[in-house]
Amino acid sequence: TEWKTTELYMEALPSGCSVELHYKMDHASSWTQAFVADGSTSYSSASGKKAVFRIGATGDVYEEMIVLNPSGNNSPVILRSRTSFN
């Protein structure tokens, strides 16, 4: 299976906050960090509601870890995650 992208849908991202996505293929021992389209390792667009991370890896088992980076008393709120594959 070729894992293409993971889309994170969230409430409007508070200013100063960001989200990251890490994944493992086939129970690997370490996490791999996914990138957004512009090559950044995190999504930090204030008021953004959808982050698309590129995976582009092949394997039978896909595990994901979503990292929320807060700012002050504000934190990202993830509503759902959707991963596309072939």
N, C-alpha and C. Protein backbone atom coordinates (compact mmCIF):
# COMPACT_ATOMS: atom_id res chain seq x y z
N THR A 1 0.84 -1.18 0.00
CA THR A 1 0.00 0.00 0.00
C THR A 1 0.88 1.23 0.00
N GLU A 2 0.57 2.18 -0.89
CA GLU A 2 1.28 3.46 -0.90
C GLU A 2 0.43 4.49 -0.16
N TRP A 3 0.93 4.98 0.95
CA TRP A 3 0.25 5.96 1.78
C TRP A 3 0.62 7.34 1.25
N LYS A 4 -0.37 8.11 0.79
CA LYS A 4 -0.11 9.37 0.09
C LYS A 4 -0.09 10.58 1.01
N THR A 5 -1.24 10.93 1.59
CA THR A 5 -1.35 12.13 2.42
C THR A 5 -2.24 11.88 3.63
N THR A 6 -2.06 12.71 4.64
CA THR A 6 -2.97 12.74 5.77
C THR A 6 -3.48 14.17 5.91
N GLU A 7 -4.79 14.31 5.98
CA GLU A 7 -5.42 15.61 6.16
C GLU A 7 -5.93 15.71 7.59
N LEU A 8 -5.58 16.79 8.27
CA LEU A 8 -6.08 17.05 9.61
C LEU A 8 -7.08 18.19 9.53
N TYR A 9 -8.29 17.93 9.99
CA TYR A 9 -9.34 18.94 10.04
C TYR A 9 -9.44 19.41 11.48
N MET A 10 -9.48 20.72 11.68
CA MET A 10 -9.43 21.27 13.03
C MET A 10 -10.31 22.50 13.16
N GLU A 11 -10.53 22.90 14.40
CA GLU A 11 -11.14 24.21 14.64
C GLU A 11 -10.11 25.24 14.20
N ALA A 12 -10.53 26.48 13.97
CA ALA A 12 -9.62 27.53 13.52
C ALA A 12 -8.37 27.55 14.41
N LEU A 13 -7.20 27.42 13.79
CA LEU A 13 -5.94 27.33 14.52
C LEU A 13 -5.62 28.67 15.19
N PRO A 14 -5.46 28.66 16.53
CA PRO A 14 -5.13 29.91 17.22
C PRO A 14 -3.74 30.42 16.81
N SER A 15 -3.59 31.72 16.80
CA SER A 15 -2.32 32.34 16.45
C SER A 15 -1.21 31.84 17.39
N GLY A 16 -0.06 31.52 16.81
CA GLY A 16 1.07 31.04 17.59
C GLY A 16 1.10 29.54 17.81
N CYS A 17 0.03 28.85 17.45
CA CYS A 17 -0.05 27.39 17.63
C CYS A 17 0.36 26.70 16.33
N SER A 18 0.67 25.41 16.44
CA SER A 18 0.98 24.62 15.25
C SER A 18 0.68 23.15 15.51
N VAL A 19 0.61 22.39 14.43
CA VAL A 19 0.42 20.94 14.51
C VAL A 19 1.49 20.26 13.67
N GLU A 20 1.90 19.08 14.11
CA GLU A 20 2.88 18.26 13.39
C GLU A 20 2.30 16.87 13.22
N LEU A 21 2.80 16.15 12.24
CA LEU A 21 2.38 14.77 12.04
C LEU A 21 3.62 13.91 11.89
N HIS A 22 3.67 12.83 12.66
CA HIS A 22 4.74 11.85 12.58
C HIS A 22 4.08 10.50 12.28
N TYR A 23 4.80 9.62 11.59
CA TYR A 23 4.22 8.32 11.26
C TYR A 23 5.28 7.22 11.32
N LYS A 24 4.78 5.99 11.44
CA LYS A 24 5.61 4.78 11.39
C LYS A 24 5.01 3.87 10.33
N MET A 25 5.87 3.19 9.60
CA MET A 25 5.42 2.19 8.63
C MET A 25 5.85 0.81 9.13
N ASP A 26 4.92 -0.13 9.09
CA ASP A 26 5.20 -1.53 9.43
C ASP A 26 5.90 -1.69 10.78
N HIS A 27 5.41 -0.98 11.79
CA HIS A 27 5.91 -1.08 13.17
C HIS A 27 7.39 -0.71 13.30
N ALA A 28 7.84 0.27 12.54
CA ALA A 28 9.23 0.72 12.62
C ALA A 28 9.55 1.13 14.05
N SER A 29 10.83 1.17 14.38
CA SER A 29 11.23 1.52 15.74
C SER A 29 11.24 3.02 16.00
N SER A 30 11.25 3.84 14.93
CA SER A 30 11.28 5.29 15.14
C SER A 30 10.22 5.97 14.26
N TRP A 31 9.85 7.16 14.67
CA TRP A 31 8.86 7.95 13.96
C TRP A 31 9.52 8.77 12.85
N THR A 32 8.80 8.96 11.74
CA THR A 32 9.23 9.82 10.64
C THR A 32 8.32 11.04 10.62
N GLN A 33 8.91 12.23 10.50
CA GLN A 33 8.09 13.43 10.48
C GLN A 33 7.62 13.72 9.06
N ALA A 34 6.33 13.99 8.90
CA ALA A 34 5.74 14.32 7.61
C ALA A 34 5.87 15.82 7.36
N PHE A 35 5.83 16.21 6.11
CA PHE A 35 5.96 17.60 5.71
C PHE A 35 4.68 18.10 5.06
N VAL A 36 4.38 19.40 5.20
CA VAL A 36 3.28 20.01 4.47
C VAL A 36 3.80 20.37 3.08
N ALA A 37 2.91 20.83 2.21
CA ALA A 37 3.26 21.07 0.80
C ALA A 37 4.43 22.03 0.62
N ASP A 38 4.57 23.04 1.49
CA ASP A 38 5.66 24.02 1.32
C ASP A 38 6.99 23.53 1.89
N GLY A 39 7.02 22.30 2.39
CA GLY A 39 8.25 21.73 2.92
C GLY A 39 8.45 21.94 4.40
N SER A 40 7.52 22.62 5.06
CA SER A 40 7.61 22.84 6.51
C SER A 40 7.31 21.55 7.26
N THR A 41 7.84 21.45 8.47
CA THR A 41 7.59 20.27 9.30
C THR A 41 6.34 20.43 10.16
N SER A 42 5.75 21.63 10.16
CA SER A 42 4.53 21.85 10.93
C SER A 42 3.60 22.79 10.19
N TYR A 43 2.32 22.71 10.55
CA TYR A 43 1.31 23.59 9.98
C TYR A 43 1.00 24.65 11.03
N SER A 44 1.13 25.93 10.67
CA SER A 44 0.95 27.00 11.65
C SER A 44 0.18 28.19 11.09
N SER A 45 -0.64 27.98 10.09
CA SER A 45 -1.40 29.06 9.46
C SER A 45 -2.53 29.50 10.39
N ALA A 46 -2.42 30.71 10.97
CA ALA A 46 -3.42 31.21 11.91
C ALA A 46 -4.81 31.17 11.27
N SER A 47 -5.77 30.68 12.00
CA SER A 47 -7.17 30.52 11.59
C SER A 47 -7.37 29.41 10.56
N GLY A 48 -6.31 28.68 10.19
CA GLY A 48 -6.43 27.56 9.27
C GLY A 48 -7.26 26.44 9.85
N LYS A 49 -7.96 25.73 9.00
CA LYS A 49 -8.83 24.65 9.46
C LYS A 49 -8.50 23.29 8.85
N LYS A 50 -7.55 23.26 7.90
CA LYS A 50 -7.19 21.99 7.26
C LYS A 50 -5.70 21.99 6.94
N ALA A 51 -5.02 20.99 7.46
CA ALA A 51 -3.58 20.82 7.19
C ALA A 51 -3.41 19.53 6.41
N VAL A 52 -2.63 19.58 5.33
CA VAL A 52 -2.37 18.40 4.51
C VAL A 52 -0.90 18.05 4.62
N PHE A 53 -0.61 16.85 5.12
CA PHE A 53 0.77 16.37 5.27
C PHE A 53 1.05 15.29 4.23
N ARG A 54 2.22 15.36 3.62
CA ARG A 54 2.64 14.36 2.62
C ARG A 54 3.28 13.17 3.32
N ILE A 55 2.88 11.97 2.94
CA ILE A 55 3.47 10.75 3.48
C ILE A 55 4.38 10.14 2.42
N GLY A 56 3.81 9.63 1.33
CA GLY A 56 4.60 9.09 0.24
C GLY A 56 5.45 7.89 0.61
N ALA A 57 4.95 7.04 1.49
CA ALA A 57 5.69 5.85 1.91
C ALA A 57 4.85 4.60 1.62
N THR A 58 5.52 3.48 1.50
CA THR A 58 4.86 2.21 1.20
C THR A 58 4.99 1.27 2.39
N GLY A 59 3.91 0.58 2.71
CA GLY A 59 3.92 -0.38 3.80
C GLY A 59 2.53 -0.93 4.03
N ASP A 60 2.44 -1.96 4.87
CA ASP A 60 1.15 -2.58 5.17
C ASP A 60 0.49 -1.97 6.40
N VAL A 61 1.29 -1.51 7.36
CA VAL A 61 0.76 -0.95 8.60
C VAL A 61 1.20 0.50 8.72
N TYR A 62 0.22 1.40 8.90
CA TYR A 62 0.49 2.84 9.04
C TYR A 62 0.02 3.29 10.42
N GLU A 63 0.94 3.90 11.18
CA GLU A 63 0.59 4.46 12.49
C GLU A 63 0.89 5.95 12.43
N GLU A 64 0.04 6.78 13.07
CA GLU A 64 0.30 8.21 13.07
C GLU A 64 0.29 8.77 14.48
N MET A 65 1.08 9.82 14.66
CA MET A 65 1.14 10.55 15.92
C MET A 65 0.95 12.03 15.58
N ILE A 66 -0.08 12.64 16.14
CA ILE A 66 -0.34 14.05 15.93
C ILE A 66 0.22 14.81 17.12
N VAL A 67 1.06 15.80 16.85
CA VAL A 67 1.68 16.61 17.90
C VAL A 67 1.05 18.00 17.87
N LEU A 68 0.47 18.40 19.01
CA LEU A 68 -0.15 19.72 19.13
C LEU A 68 0.80 20.64 19.87
N ASN A 69 1.12 21.78 19.28
CA ASN A 69 2.01 22.76 19.90
C ASN A 69 1.18 23.97 20.31
N PRO A 70 0.92 24.13 21.64
CA PRO A 70 0.09 25.22 22.12
C PRO A 70 0.85 26.55 22.19
N SER A 71 0.09 27.61 22.43
CA SER A 71 0.66 28.93 22.65
C SER A 71 -0.11 29.57 23.80
N GLY A 72 0.56 29.79 24.92
CA GLY A 72 -0.14 30.32 26.09
C GLY A 72 -1.23 29.36 26.52
N ASN A 73 -2.45 29.88 26.66
CA ASN A 73 -3.59 29.05 27.06
C ASN A 73 -4.37 28.51 25.86
N ASN A 74 -3.85 28.70 24.65
CA ASN A 74 -4.52 28.24 23.44
C ASN A 74 -3.84 26.99 22.90
N SER A 75 -4.66 26.09 22.37
CA SER A 75 -4.14 24.85 21.80
C SER A 75 -4.94 24.47 20.57
N PRO A 76 -4.31 23.83 19.59
CA PRO A 76 -5.07 23.34 18.43
C PRO A 76 -6.09 22.28 18.87
N VAL A 77 -7.21 22.24 18.18
CA VAL A 77 -8.25 21.23 18.44
C VAL A 77 -8.47 20.47 17.14
N ILE A 78 -8.07 19.21 17.12
CA ILE A 78 -8.23 18.36 15.93
C ILE A 78 -9.61 17.72 15.97
N LEU A 79 -10.33 17.83 14.85
CA LEU A 79 -11.67 17.25 14.76
C LEU A 79 -11.64 15.86 14.12
N ARG A 80 -10.80 15.69 13.09
CA ARG A 80 -10.67 14.38 12.46
C ARG A 80 -9.41 14.31 11.62
N SER A 81 -9.04 13.10 11.30
CA SER A 81 -7.87 12.83 10.47
C SER A 81 -8.30 11.89 9.35
N ARG A 82 -7.84 12.20 8.12
CA ARG A 82 -8.19 11.33 6.98
C ARG A 82 -6.94 11.07 6.18
N THR A 83 -6.62 9.77 5.98
CA THR A 83 -5.42 9.38 5.25
C THR A 83 -5.80 8.74 3.92
N SER A 84 -5.12 9.17 2.85
CA SER A 84 -5.37 8.64 1.51
C SER A 84 -4.27 7.66 1.13
N PHE A 85 -4.64 6.62 0.40
CA PHE A 85 -3.67 5.62 -0.04
C PHE A 85 -4.12 4.98 -1.34
N ASN A 86 -3.18 4.28 -2.01
CA ASN A 86 -3.48 3.50 -3.21
C ASN A 86 -3.53 2.04 -2.86
